[in-house]
Amino acid sequence: MSRHYLIPFIVDAGCAAFGQESRSPNNDSMATHEALLVDIAAATRYLRERGYEKIVYLGYSGGGSVYSLYQAQR
């Protein structure tokens, strides 16, 4: 995620960008939604503790739907 093609454009627009990697990069068969939701919650808490009020989630393919699931569940 740290190499998402939109990150340079986001930074050029004057916004901060945080790229979160998965616990199991390049191995989606090991990824479970429950673990991913915990990781997203931890990253969100990390950013909020550092003063970020608005967070926009961005993900490839299934990552986008996992972020949507997180937003619906939180």
C-alpha atoms as a PDB file:
ATOM      1  CA  MET A   1       0.000   0.000   0.000  1.00  0.00           C
ATOM      2  CA  SER A   2       2.949   2.339   0.500  1.00  0.00           C
ATOM      3  CA  ARG A   3       3.442   2.209  -3.257  1.00  0.00           C
ATOM      4  CA  HIS A   4      -0.136   2.957  -4.275  1.00  0.00           C
ATOM      5  CA  TYR A   5      -0.125   4.951  -7.496  1.00  0.00           C
ATOM      6  CA  LEU A   6      -2.272   7.742  -5.982  1.00  0.00           C
ATOM      7  CA  ILE A   7       0.054   8.539  -3.062  1.00  0.00           C
ATOM      8  CA  PRO A   8       2.288  10.963  -5.032  1.00  0.00           C
ATOM      9  CA  PHE A   9      -0.811  12.855  -6.193  1.00  0.00           C
ATOM     10  CA  ILE A  10      -2.231  12.969  -2.666  1.00  0.00           C
ATOM     11  CA  VAL A  11       1.045  14.343  -1.310  1.00  0.00           C
ATOM     12  CA  ASP A  12       1.354  16.834  -4.194  1.00  0.00           C
ATOM     13  CA  ALA A  13      -2.131  18.086  -3.290  1.00  0.00           C
ATOM     14  CA  GLY A  14      -0.827  18.961   0.180  1.00  0.00           C
ATOM     15  CA  CYS A  15      -2.324  16.062   2.113  1.00  0.00           C
ATOM     16  CA  ALA A  16      -0.542  13.548   4.299  1.00  0.00           C
ATOM     17  CA  ALA A  17      -0.475   9.903   3.214  1.00  0.00           C
ATOM     18  CA  PHE A  18      -0.035   6.802   5.358  1.00  0.00           C
ATOM     19  CA  GLY A  19       0.572   3.520   3.545  1.00  0.00           C
ATOM     20  CA  GLN A  20      -0.406   0.500   5.594  1.00  0.00           C
ATOM     21  CA  GLU A  21       0.974  -2.871   4.573  1.00  0.00           C
ATOM     22  CA  SER A  22      -0.784  -6.150   5.252  1.00  0.00           C
ATOM     23  CA  ARG A  23       0.440  -8.723   7.744  1.00  0.00           C
ATOM     24  CA  SER A  24       0.713 -11.137   4.863  1.00  0.00           C
ATOM     25  CA  PRO A  25       1.978  -9.259   1.805  1.00  0.00           C
ATOM     26  CA  ASN A  26       1.749 -11.181  -1.464  1.00  0.00           C
ATOM     27  CA  ASN A  27      -0.223 -13.949   0.237  1.00  0.00           C
ATOM     28  CA  ASP A  28      -3.941 -13.187   0.281  1.00  0.00           C
ATOM     29  CA  SER A  29      -4.739 -16.758   1.271  1.00  0.00           C
ATOM     30  CA  MET A  30      -3.336 -15.992   4.736  1.00  0.00           C
ATOM     31  CA  ALA A  31      -5.341 -12.771   5.141  1.00  0.00           C
ATOM     32  CA  THR A  32      -8.493 -12.971   7.236  1.00  0.00           C
ATOM     33  CA  HIS A  33     -10.985 -10.126   7.484  1.00  0.00           C
ATOM     34  CA  GLU A  34     -10.929 -10.295  11.274  1.00  0.00           C
ATOM     35  CA  ALA A  35      -7.166  -9.696  11.407  1.00  0.00           C
ATOM     36  CA  LEU A  36      -7.346  -6.992   8.746  1.00  0.00           C
ATOM     37  CA  LEU A  37     -10.061  -5.144  10.679  1.00  0.00           C
ATOM     38  CA  VAL A  38      -7.898  -5.192  13.816  1.00  0.00           C
ATOM     39  CA  ASP A  39      -4.965  -3.790  11.825  1.00  0.00           C
ATOM     40  CA  ILE A  40      -7.107  -1.038  10.298  1.00  0.00           C
ATOM     41  CA  ALA A  41      -8.423  -0.117  13.751  1.00  0.00           C
ATOM     42  CA  ALA A  42      -4.863   0.063  15.112  1.00  0.00           C
ATOM     43  CA  ALA A  43      -3.697   2.276  12.241  1.00  0.00           C
ATOM     44  CA  THR A  44      -6.734   4.537  12.637  1.00  0.00           C
ATOM     45  CA  ARG A  45      -6.084   4.879  16.366  1.00  0.00           C
ATOM     46  CA  TYR A  46      -2.396   5.600  15.658  1.00  0.00           C
ATOM     47  CA  LEU A  47      -3.303   8.420  13.270  1.00  0.00           C
ATOM     48  CA  ARG A  48      -6.006   9.887  15.530  1.00  0.00           C
ATOM     49  CA  GLU A  49      -3.585   9.924  18.492  1.00  0.00           C
ATOM     50  CA  ARG A  50      -1.288  12.036  16.331  1.00  0.00           C
ATOM     51  CA  GLY A  51      -3.975  14.614  15.597  1.00  0.00           C
ATOM     52  CA  TYR A  52      -5.414  13.483  12.275  1.00  0.00           C
ATOM     53  CA  GLU A  53      -9.142  14.209  12.279  1.00  0.00           C
ATOM     54  CA  LYS A  54     -10.093  13.263   8.724  1.00  0.00           C
ATOM     55  CA  ILE A  55      -8.976   9.907   7.401  1.00  0.00           C
ATOM     56  CA  VAL A  56      -9.749   8.688   3.898  1.00  0.00           C
ATOM     57  CA  TYR A  57      -9.279   4.972   3.309  1.00  0.00           C
ATOM     58  CA  LEU A  58      -7.953   3.743  -0.020  1.00  0.00           C
ATOM     59  CA  GLY A  59      -7.342   0.177  -1.133  1.00  0.00           C
ATOM     60  CA  TYR A  60      -6.806  -2.006  -4.142  1.00  0.00           C
ATOM     61  CA  SER A  61      -9.386  -4.595  -5.129  1.00  0.00           C
ATOM     62  CA  GLY A  62     -10.456  -6.411  -1.966  1.00  0.00           C
ATOM     63  CA  GLY A  63      -8.689  -3.872   0.216  1.00  0.00           C
ATOM     64  CA  GLY A  64     -11.251  -1.255  -0.678  1.00  0.00           C
ATOM     65  CA  SER A  65     -14.091  -3.477   0.447  1.00  0.00           C
ATOM     66  CA  VAL A  66     -12.304  -4.330   3.711  1.00  0.00           C
ATOM     67  CA  TYR A  67     -11.984  -0.622   4.502  1.00  0.00           C
ATOM     68  CA  SER A  68     -15.692  -0.234   3.725  1.00  0.00           C
ATOM     69  CA  LEU A  69     -16.455  -3.140   6.068  1.00  0.00           C
ATOM     70  CA  TYR A  70     -14.360  -1.458   8.778  1.00  0.00           C
ATOM     71  CA  GLN A  71     -16.264   1.804   8.391  1.00  0.00           C
ATOM     72  CA  ALA A  72     -19.593  -0.020   8.557  1.00  0.00           C
ATOM     73  CA  GLN A  73     -18.557  -1.993  11.667  1.00  0.00           C
ATOM     74  CA  ARG A  74     -16.880   0.716  13.712  1.00  0.00           C
END
